Amino acid sequence: MTHVVAKPCHGCRYTDCVVVCPVECFYEGEQMLYIHPDECIDCEACVPECPVEAIFYEDDLPEEWREYIEINAAEAPKCPNITEQKEPLADR
């Protein structure tokens, strides 16, 4: 199992979660962040850091956002890894 970044991240892309990740499993897309499912160790360090509550344990993902499991798995490998905090889209 893994953690998943869901719809609330779309369009805001806060990176508070990125700096606490011990395995650097976050990837930066144009509109949101993604968690690489093969790299996440389920430590949950990122969950309380997300100001828009967009990160969920896969089993706890709300039904309407279940598609984000596949979206994260598909998009993370295509995007650059992110390890440092950046200005969010919401503040631009």
PDB file of N, CA and C in Angstrom:
ATOM      1  N   MET A   1       0.837  -1.188   0.000  1.00  0.00           N
ATOM      2  CA  MET A   1       0.000   0.000   0.000  1.00  0.00           C
ATOM      3  C   MET A   1       0.879   1.247   0.000  1.00  0.00           C
ATOM      4  N   THR A   2       0.239   2.343  -0.331  1.00  0.00           N
ATOM      5  CA  THR A   2       0.978   3.607  -0.446  1.00  0.00           C
ATOM      6  C   THR A   2       0.072   4.769  -0.064  1.00  0.00           C
ATOM      7  N   HIS A   3       0.657   5.932  -0.004  1.00  0.00           N
ATOM      8  CA  HIS A   3      -0.119   7.149   0.155  1.00  0.00           C
ATOM      9  C   HIS A   3      -0.351   7.737  -1.227  1.00  0.00           C
ATOM     10  N   VAL A   4      -1.418   8.518  -1.343  1.00  0.00           N
ATOM     11  CA  VAL A   4      -1.854   9.041  -2.628  1.00  0.00           C
ATOM     12  C   VAL A   4      -2.166  10.525  -2.488  1.00  0.00           C
ATOM     13  N   VAL A   5      -1.740  11.314  -3.460  1.00  0.00           N
ATOM     14  CA  VAL A   5      -2.118  12.725  -3.519  1.00  0.00           C
ATOM     15  C   VAL A   5      -3.386  12.792  -4.364  1.00  0.00           C
ATOM     16  N   ALA A   6      -4.430  13.428  -3.820  1.00  0.00           N
ATOM     17  CA  ALA A   6      -5.739  13.451  -4.482  1.00  0.00           C
ATOM     18  C   ALA A   6      -6.110  14.856  -4.971  1.00  0.00           C
ATOM     19  N   LYS A   7      -7.320  14.973  -5.428  1.00  0.00           N
ATOM     20  CA  LYS A   7      -7.834  16.174  -6.096  1.00  0.00           C
ATOM     21  C   LYS A   7      -7.601  17.496  -5.369  1.00  0.00           C
ATOM     22  N   PRO A   8      -7.672  17.564  -4.029  1.00  0.00           N
ATOM     23  CA  PRO A   8      -7.468  18.866  -3.390  1.00  0.00           C
ATOM     24  C   PRO A   8      -6.124  19.526  -3.711  1.00  0.00           C
ATOM     25  N   CYS A   9      -5.147  18.744  -4.149  1.00  0.00           N
ATOM     26  CA  CYS A   9      -3.833  19.306  -4.503  1.00  0.00           C
ATOM     27  C   CYS A   9      -3.863  19.994  -5.870  1.00  0.00           C
ATOM     28  N   HIS A  10      -4.782  19.602  -6.709  1.00  0.00           N
ATOM     29  CA  HIS A  10      -4.820  20.132  -8.071  1.00  0.00           C
ATOM     30  C   HIS A  10      -5.036  21.640  -8.058  1.00  0.00           C
ATOM     31  N   GLY A  11      -4.113  22.347  -8.673  1.00  0.00           N
ATOM     32  CA  GLY A  11      -4.235  23.801  -8.759  1.00  0.00           C
ATOM     33  C   GLY A  11      -3.613  24.565  -7.610  1.00  0.00           C
ATOM     34  N   CYS A  12      -3.185  23.880  -6.563  1.00  0.00           N
ATOM     35  CA  CYS A  12      -2.533  24.612  -5.469  1.00  0.00           C
ATOM     36  C   CYS A  12      -1.086  24.177  -5.298  1.00  0.00           C
ATOM     37  N   ARG A  13      -0.837  22.877  -5.338  1.00  0.00           N
ATOM     38  CA  ARG A  13       0.500  22.290  -5.318  1.00  0.00           C
ATOM     39  C   ARG A  13       1.389  22.856  -4.206  1.00  0.00           C
ATOM     40  N   TYR A  14       0.893  22.793  -2.968  1.00  0.00           N
ATOM     41  CA  TYR A  14       1.735  23.133  -1.824  1.00  0.00           C
ATOM     42  C   TYR A  14       2.827  22.081  -1.706  1.00  0.00           C
ATOM     43  N   THR A  15       3.985  22.464  -1.230  1.00  0.00           N
ATOM     44  CA  THR A  15       5.096  21.518  -1.143  1.00  0.00           C
ATOM     45  C   THR A  15       5.579  21.304   0.295  1.00  0.00           C
ATOM     46  N   ASP A  16       4.767  21.633   1.253  1.00  0.00           N
ATOM     47  CA  ASP A  16       5.114  21.423   2.661  1.00  0.00           C
ATOM     48  C   ASP A  16       5.411  19.946   2.921  1.00  0.00           C
ATOM     49  N   CYS A  17       4.681  19.078   2.253  1.00  0.00           N
ATOM     50  CA  CYS A  17       4.811  17.635   2.419  1.00  0.00           C
ATOM     51  C   CYS A  17       6.150  17.118   1.914  1.00  0.00           C
ATOM     52  N   VAL A  18       6.666  17.745   0.904  1.00  0.00           N
ATOM     53  CA  VAL A  18       7.891  17.299   0.232  1.00  0.00           C
ATOM     54  C   VAL A  18       9.098  17.322   1.168  1.00  0.00           C
ATOM     55  N   VAL A  19       9.213  18.368   1.960  1.00  0.00           N
ATOM     56  CA  VAL A  19      10.404  18.538   2.791  1.00  0.00           C
ATOM     57  C   VAL A  19      10.471  17.577   3.973  1.00  0.00           C
ATOM     58  N   VAL A  20       9.371  16.955   4.345  1.00  0.00           N
ATOM     59  CA  VAL A  20       9.378  16.005   5.464  1.00  0.00           C
ATOM     60  C   VAL A  20       9.476  14.553   5.006  1.00  0.00           C
ATOM     61  N   CYS A  21       9.428  14.314   3.714  1.00  0.00           N
ATOM     62  CA  CYS A  21       9.464  12.948   3.191  1.00  0.00           C
ATOM     63  C   CYS A  21      10.879  12.368   3.313  1.00  0.00           C
ATOM     64  N   PRO A  22      11.044  11.289   4.072  1.00  0.00           N
ATOM     65  CA  PRO A  22      12.387  10.727   4.260  1.00  0.00           C
ATOM     66  C   PRO A  22      12.921   9.952   3.060  1.00  0.00           C
ATOM     67  N   VAL A  23      12.045   9.603   2.108  1.00  0.00           N
ATOM     68  CA  VAL A  23      12.488   8.810   0.953  1.00  0.00           C
ATOM     69  C   VAL A  23      12.361   9.556  -0.374  1.00  0.00           C
ATOM     70  N   GLU A  24      11.990  10.823  -0.307  1.00  0.00           N
ATOM     71  CA  GLU A  24      11.902  11.673  -1.501  1.00  0.00           C
ATOM     72  C   GLU A  24      11.058  11.037  -2.615  1.00  0.00           C
ATOM     73  N   CYS A  25       9.826  10.667  -2.283  1.00  0.00           N
ATOM     74  CA  CYS A  25       8.953   9.986  -3.247  1.00  0.00           C
ATOM     75  C   CYS A  25       7.930  10.905  -3.910  1.00  0.00           C
ATOM     76  N   PHE A  26       8.101  12.230  -3.764  1.00  0.00           N
ATOM     77  CA  PHE A  26       7.184  13.183  -4.390  1.00  0.00           C
ATOM     78  C   PHE A  26       7.704  13.631  -5.747  1.00  0.00           C
ATOM     79  N   TYR A  27       6.764  13.816  -6.661  1.00  0.00           N
ATOM     80  CA  TYR A  27       7.088  14.250  -8.020  1.00  0.00           C
ATOM     81  C   TYR A  27       6.185  15.411  -8.382  1.00  0.00           C
ATOM     82  N   GLU A  28       6.744  16.362  -9.120  1.00  0.00           N
ATOM     83  CA  GLU A  28       6.058  17.621  -9.417  1.00  0.00           C
ATOM     84  C   GLU A  28       5.481  17.639 -10.824  1.00  0.00           C
ATOM     85  N   GLY A  29       4.142  17.648 -10.890  1.00  0.00           N
ATOM     86  CA  GLY A  29       3.456  17.814 -12.157  1.00  0.00           C
ATOM     87  C   GLY A  29       3.134  19.278 -12.375  1.00  0.00           C
ATOM     88  N   GLU A  30       2.556  19.592 -13.514  1.00  0.00           N
ATOM     89  CA  GLU A  30       2.232  20.988 -13.814  1.00  0.00           C
ATOM     90  C   GLU A  30       1.195  21.568 -12.864  1.00  0.00           C
ATOM     91  N   GLN A  31       0.224  20.752 -12.442  1.00  0.00           N
ATOM     92  CA  GLN A  31      -0.867  21.256 -11.618  1.00  0.00           C
ATOM     93  C   GLN A  31      -0.926  20.682 -10.205  1.00  0.00           C
ATOM     94  N   MET A  32      -0.175  19.601  -9.951  1.00  0.00           N
ATOM     95  CA  MET A  32      -0.216  18.988  -8.630  1.00  0.00           C
ATOM     96  C   MET A  32       1.009  18.117  -8.404  1.00  0.00           C
ATOM     97  N   LEU A  33       1.132  17.624  -7.188  1.00  0.00           N
ATOM     98  CA  LEU A  33       2.207  16.693  -6.840  1.00  0.00           C
ATOM     99  C   LEU A  33       1.682  15.268  -6.942  1.00  0.00           C
ATOM    100  N   TYR A  34       2.614  14.324  -7.070  1.00  0.00           N
ATOM    101  CA  TYR A  34       2.273  12.907  -7.113  1.00  0.00           C
ATOM    102  C   TYR A  34       3.229  12.152  -6.191  1.00  0.00           C
ATOM    103  N   ILE A  35       2.758  11.058  -5.640  1.00  0.00           N
ATOM    104  CA  ILE A  35       3.597  10.166  -4.843  1.00  0.00           C
ATOM    105  C   ILE A  35       3.854   8.918  -5.667  1.00  0.00           C
ATOM    106  N   HIS A  36       5.127   8.551  -5.770  1.00  0.00           N
ATOM    107  CA  HIS A  36       5.486   7.332  -6.514  1.00  0.00           C
ATOM    108  C   HIS A  36       5.166   6.145  -5.607  1.00  0.00           C
ATOM    109  N   PRO A  37       4.242   5.268  -6.009  1.00  0.00           N
ATOM    110  CA  PRO A  37       3.814   4.174  -5.135  1.00  0.00           C
ATOM    111  C   PRO A  37       4.902   3.157  -4.815  1.00  0.00           C
ATOM    112  N   ASP A  38       5.907   3.018  -5.665  1.00  0.00           N
ATOM    113  CA  ASP A  38       6.982   2.067  -5.404  1.00  0.00           C
ATOM    114  C   ASP A  38       8.042   2.621  -4.459  1.00  0.00           C
ATOM    115  N   GLU A  39       7.978   3.912  -4.187  1.00  0.00           N
ATOM    116  CA  GLU A  39       8.975   4.549  -3.328  1.00  0.00           C
ATOM    117  C   GLU A  39       8.435   4.922  -1.950  1.00  0.00           C
ATOM    118  N   CYS A  40       7.144   5.124  -1.829  1.00  0.00           N
ATOM    119  CA  CYS A  40       6.520   5.528  -0.566  1.00  0.00           C
ATOM    120  C   CYS A  40       6.654   4.400   0.467  1.00  0.00           C
ATOM    121  N   ILE A  41       7.065   4.755   1.680  1.00  0.00           N
ATOM    122  CA  ILE A  41       7.213   3.762   2.752  1.00  0.00           C
ATOM    123  C   ILE A  41       6.095   3.867   3.786  1.00  0.00           C
ATOM    124  N   ASP A  42       5.068   4.620   3.489  1.00  0.00           N
ATOM    125  CA  ASP A  42       3.899   4.762   4.359  1.00  0.00           C
ATOM    126  C   ASP A  42       4.221   5.273   5.762  1.00  0.00           C
ATOM    127  N   CYS A  43       5.160   6.192   5.847  1.00  0.00           N
ATOM    128  CA  CYS A  43       5.529   6.724   7.159  1.00  0.00           C
ATOM    129  C   CYS A  43       4.521   7.745   7.677  1.00  0.00           C
ATOM    130  N   GLU A  44       3.708   8.304   6.787  1.00  0.00           N
ATOM    131  CA  GLU A  44       2.672   9.287   7.106  1.00  0.00           C
ATOM    132  C   GLU A  44       3.200  10.658   7.511  1.00  0.00           C
ATOM    133  N   ALA A  45       4.481  10.901   7.373  1.00  0.00           N
ATOM    134  CA  ALA A  45       5.034  12.208   7.750  1.00  0.00           C
ATOM    135  C   ALA A  45       4.413  13.329   6.939  1.00  0.00           C
ATOM    136  N   CYS A  46       4.055  13.050   5.701  1.00  0.00           N
ATOM    137  CA  CYS A  46       3.512  14.070   4.805  1.00  0.00           C
ATOM    138  C   CYS A  46       2.064  14.446   5.096  1.00  0.00           C
ATOM    139  N   VAL A  47       1.309  13.526   5.638  1.00  0.00           N
ATOM    140  CA  VAL A  47      -0.138  13.729   5.799  1.00  0.00           C
ATOM    141  C   VAL A  47      -0.473  14.986   6.614  1.00  0.00           C
ATOM    142  N   PRO A  48       0.067  15.164   7.812  1.00  0.00           N
ATOM    143  CA  PRO A  48      -0.306  16.369   8.577  1.00  0.00           C
ATOM    144  C   PRO A  48       0.270  17.666   8.016  1.00  0.00           C
ATOM    145  N   GLU A  49       1.248  17.572   7.122  1.00  0.00           N
ATOM    146  CA  GLU A  49       1.872  18.763   6.549  1.00  0.00           C
ATOM    147  C   GLU A  49       1.072  19.384   5.408  1.00  0.00           C
ATOM    148  N   CYS A  50       0.156  18.639   4.820  1.00  0.00           N
ATOM    149  CA  CYS A  50      -0.602  19.130   3.670  1.00  0.00           C
ATOM    150  C   CYS A  50      -1.696  20.097   4.125  1.00  0.00           C
ATOM    151  N   PRO A  51      -1.594  21.379   3.760  1.00  0.00           N
ATOM    152  CA  PRO A  51      -2.575  22.364   4.213  1.00  0.00           C
ATOM    153  C   PRO A  51      -3.965  22.198   3.592  1.00  0.00           C
ATOM    154  N   VAL A  52      -4.071  21.435   2.510  1.00  0.00           N
ATOM    155  CA  VAL A  52      -5.386  21.242   1.881  1.00  0.00           C
ATOM    156  C   VAL A  52      -5.905  19.816   2.073  1.00  0.00           C
ATOM    157  N   GLU A  53      -5.223  19.043   2.913  1.00  0.00           N
ATOM    158  CA  GLU A  53      -5.626  17.677   3.240  1.00  0.00           C
ATOM    159  C   GLU A  53      -5.846  16.833   1.983  1.00  0.00           C
ATOM    160  N   ALA A  54      -4.827  16.806   1.120  1.00  0.00           N
ATOM    161  CA  ALA A  54      -4.916  16.095  -0.158  1.00  0.00           C
ATOM    162  C   ALA A  54      -4.232  14.734  -0.151  1.00  0.00           C
ATOM    163  N   ILE A  55      -3.566  14.363   0.954  1.00  0.00           N
ATOM    164  CA  ILE A  55      -2.811  13.113   0.991  1.00  0.00           C
ATOM    165  C   ILE A  55      -3.533  12.091   1.867  1.00  0.00           C
ATOM    166  N   PHE A  56      -3.741  10.919   1.288  1.00  0.00           N
ATOM    167  CA  PHE A  56      -4.471   9.855   1.969  1.00  0.00           C
ATOM    168  C   PHE A  56      -3.735   8.528   1.851  1.00  0.00           C
ATOM    169  N   TYR A  57      -3.880   7.702   2.878  1.00  0.00           N
ATOM    170  CA  TYR A  57      -3.447   6.320   2.757  1.00  0.00           C
ATOM    171  C   TYR A  57      -4.372   5.689   1.716  1.00  0.00           C
ATOM    172  N   GLU A  58      -3.840   4.866   0.862  1.00  0.00           N
ATOM    173  CA  GLU A  58      -4.604   4.305  -0.259  1.00  0.00           C
ATOM    174  C   GLU A  58      -5.949   3.710   0.165  1.00  0.00           C
ATOM    175  N   ASP A  59      -5.974   2.976   1.247  1.00  0.00           N
ATOM    176  CA  ASP A  59      -7.227   2.353   1.717  1.00  0.00           C
ATOM    177  C   ASP A  59      -8.225   3.365   2.262  1.00  0.00           C
ATOM    178  N   ASP A  60      -7.761   4.545   2.634  1.00  0.00           N
ATOM    179  CA  ASP A  60      -8.630   5.573   3.210  1.00  0.00           C
ATOM    180  C   ASP A  60      -9.051   6.648   2.209  1.00  0.00           C
ATOM    181  N   LEU A  61      -8.640   6.489   0.966  1.00  0.00           N
ATOM    182  CA  LEU A  61      -8.966   7.468  -0.070  1.00  0.00           C
ATOM    183  C   LEU A  61     -10.480   7.500  -0.290  1.00  0.00           C
ATOM    184  N   PRO A  62     -11.103   8.689  -0.240  1.00  0.00           N
ATOM    185  CA  PRO A  62     -12.548   8.765  -0.500  1.00  0.00           C
ATOM    186  C   PRO A  62     -12.891   8.162  -1.871  1.00  0.00           C
ATOM    187  N   GLU A  63     -14.003   7.514  -1.945  1.00  0.00           N
ATOM    188  CA  GLU A  63     -14.428   6.790  -3.152  1.00  0.00           C
ATOM    189  C   GLU A  63     -14.391   7.671  -4.408  1.00  0.00           C
ATOM    190  N   GLU A  64     -14.800   8.929  -4.275  1.00  0.00           N
ATOM    191  CA  GLU A  64     -14.839   9.807  -5.454  1.00  0.00           C
ATOM    192  C   GLU A  64     -13.451  10.140  -5.996  1.00  0.00           C
ATOM    193  N   TRP A  65     -12.402   9.845  -5.229  1.00  0.00           N
ATOM    194  CA  TRP A  65     -11.038  10.127  -5.670  1.00  0.00           C
ATOM    195  C   TRP A  65     -10.215   8.864  -5.887  1.00  0.00           C
ATOM    196  N   ARG A  66     -10.841   7.702  -5.973  1.00  0.00           N
ATOM    197  CA  ARG A  66     -10.126   6.429  -6.140  1.00  0.00           C
ATOM    198  C   ARG A  66      -9.252   6.432  -7.399  1.00  0.00           C
ATOM    199  N   GLU A  67      -9.656   7.169  -8.420  1.00  0.00           N
ATOM    200  CA  GLU A  67      -8.882   7.220  -9.660  1.00  0.00           C
ATOM    201  C   GLU A  67      -7.480   7.795  -9.439  1.00  0.00           C
ATOM    202  N   TYR A  68      -7.274   8.523  -8.349  1.00  0.00           N
ATOM    203  CA  TYR A  68      -5.968   9.120  -8.087  1.00  0.00           C
ATOM    204  C   TYR A  68      -4.909   8.086  -7.713  1.00  0.00           C
ATOM    205  N   ILE A  69      -5.305   6.890  -7.369  1.00  0.00           N
ATOM    206  CA  ILE A  69      -4.328   5.817  -7.142  1.00  0.00           C
ATOM    207  C   ILE A  69      -3.591   5.563  -8.450  1.00  0.00           C
ATOM    208  N   GLU A  70      -4.346   5.395  -9.509  1.00  0.00           N
ATOM    209  CA  GLU A  70      -3.755   5.151 -10.830  1.00  0.00           C
ATOM    210  C   GLU A  70      -3.088   6.403 -11.394  1.00  0.00           C
ATOM    211  N   ILE A  71      -3.665   7.555 -11.125  1.00  0.00           N
ATOM    212  CA  ILE A  71      -3.086   8.804 -11.622  1.00  0.00           C
ATOM    213  C   ILE A  71      -1.698   9.010 -11.029  1.00  0.00           C
ATOM    214  N   ASN A  72      -1.549   8.813  -9.706  1.00  0.00           N
ATOM    215  CA  ASN A  72      -0.242   8.958  -9.078  1.00  0.00           C
ATOM    216  C   ASN A  72       0.755   7.958  -9.650  1.00  0.00           C
ATOM    217  N   ALA A  73       0.329   6.707  -9.802  1.00  0.00           N
ATOM    218  CA  ALA A  73       1.208   5.660 -10.320  1.00  0.00           C
ATOM    219  C   ALA A  73       1.652   5.950 -11.745  1.00  0.00           C
ATOM    220  N   ALA A  74       0.760   6.513 -12.549  1.00  0.00           N
ATOM    221  CA  ALA A  74       1.081   6.804 -13.951  1.00  0.00           C
ATOM    222  C   ALA A  74       1.895   8.078 -14.112  1.00  0.00           C
ATOM    223  N   GLU A  75       1.578   9.109 -13.347  1.00  0.00           N
ATOM    224  CA  GLU A  75       2.204  10.412 -13.542  1.00  0.00           C
ATOM    225  C   GLU A  75       3.540  10.583 -12.813  1.00  0.00           C
ATOM    226  N   ALA A  76       3.700  10.014 -11.647  1.00  0.00           N
ATOM    227  CA  ALA A  76       4.956  10.195 -10.899  1.00  0.00           C
ATOM    228  C   ALA A  76       6.186   9.837 -11.727  1.00  0.00           C
ATOM    229  N   PRO A  77       6.202   8.703 -12.430  1.00  0.00           N
ATOM    230  CA  PRO A  77       7.401   8.364 -13.206  1.00  0.00           C
ATOM    231  C   PRO A  77       7.693   9.324 -14.369  1.00  0.00           C
ATOM    232  N   LYS A  78       6.723  10.093 -14.778  1.00  0.00           N
ATOM    233  CA  LYS A  78       6.884  11.025 -15.891  1.00  0.00           C
ATOM    234  C   LYS A  78       7.388  12.402 -15.441  1.00  0.00           C
ATOM    235  N   CYS A  79       7.304  12.675 -14.146  1.00  0.00           N
ATOM    236  CA  CYS A  79       7.576  14.012 -13.624  1.00  0.00           C
ATOM    237  C   CYS A  79       8.914  14.066 -12.893  1.00  0.00           C
ATOM    238  N   PRO A  80       9.453  15.288 -12.746  1.00  0.00           N
ATOM    239  CA  PRO A  80      10.698  15.425 -11.995  1.00  0.00           C
ATOM    240  C   PRO A  80      10.476  15.247 -10.492  1.00  0.00           C
ATOM    241  N   ASN A  81      11.442  14.626  -9.853  1.00  0.00           N
ATOM    242  CA  ASN A  81      11.408  14.458  -8.404  1.00  0.00           C
ATOM    243  C   ASN A  81      11.534  15.834  -7.755  1.00  0.00           C
ATOM    244  N   ILE A  82      10.828  16.045  -6.654  1.00  0.00           N
ATOM    245  CA  ILE A  82      10.894  17.320  -5.937  1.00  0.00           C
ATOM    246  C   ILE A  82      11.253  17.038  -4.489  1.00  0.00           C
ATOM    247  N   THR A  83      12.259  17.755  -3.986  1.00  0.00           N
ATOM    248  CA  THR A  83      12.722  17.539  -2.616  1.00  0.00           C
ATOM    249  C   THR A  83      12.795  18.827  -1.803  1.00  0.00           C
ATOM    250  N   GLU A  84      12.562  19.963  -2.440  1.00  0.00           N
ATOM    251  CA  GLU A  84      12.636  21.248  -1.754  1.00  0.00           C
ATOM    252  C   GLU A  84      11.313  21.999  -1.859  1.00  0.00           C
ATOM    253  N   GLN A  85      11.040  22.793  -0.852  1.00  0.00           N
ATOM    254  CA  GLN A  85       9.806  23.566  -0.841  1.00  0.00           C
ATOM    255  C   GLN A  85       9.861  24.664  -1.898  1.00  0.00           C
ATOM    256  N   LYS A  86       8.727  24.845  -2.574  1.00  0.00           N
ATOM    257  CA  LYS A  86       8.590  25.873  -3.603  1.00  0.00           C
ATOM    258  C   LYS A  86       7.322  26.682  -3.354  1.00  0.00           C
ATOM    259  N   GLU A  87       7.220  27.791  -4.045  1.00  0.00           N
ATOM    260  CA  GLU A  87       6.000  28.604  -3.958  1.00  0.00           C
ATOM    261  C   GLU A  87       4.850  27.807  -4.558  1.00  0.00           C
ATOM    262  N   PRO A  88       3.724  27.701  -3.842  1.00  0.00           N
ATOM    263  CA  PRO A  88       2.596  26.944  -4.386  1.00  0.00           C
ATOM    264  C   PRO A  88       1.884  27.687  -5.519  1.00  0.00           C
ATOM    265  N   LEU A  89       1.202  26.958  -6.344  1.00  0.00           N
ATOM    266  CA  LEU A  89       0.411  27.568  -7.422  1.00  0.00           C
ATOM    267  C   LEU A  89      -0.673  28.451  -6.834  1.00  0.00           C
ATOM    268  N   ALA A  90      -1.216  28.067  -5.699  1.00  0.00           N
ATOM    269  CA  ALA A  90      -2.311  28.819  -5.088  1.00  0.00           C
ATOM    270  C   ALA A  90      -1.917  30.244  -4.726  1.00  0.00           C
ATOM    271  N   ASP A  91      -0.623  30.479  -4.524  1.00  0.00           N
ATOM    272  CA  ASP A  91      -0.155  31.811  -4.142  1.00  0.00           C
ATOM    273  C   ASP A  91       0.326  32.646  -5.319  1.00  0.00           C
ATOM    274  N   ARG A  92       0.230  32.091  -6.510  1.00  0.00           N
ATOM    275  CA  ARG A  92       0.722  32.821  -7.692  1.00  0.00           C
ATOM    276  C   ARG A  92      -0.339  33.708  -8.277  1.00  0.00           C
TER     277      ARG A  92
END
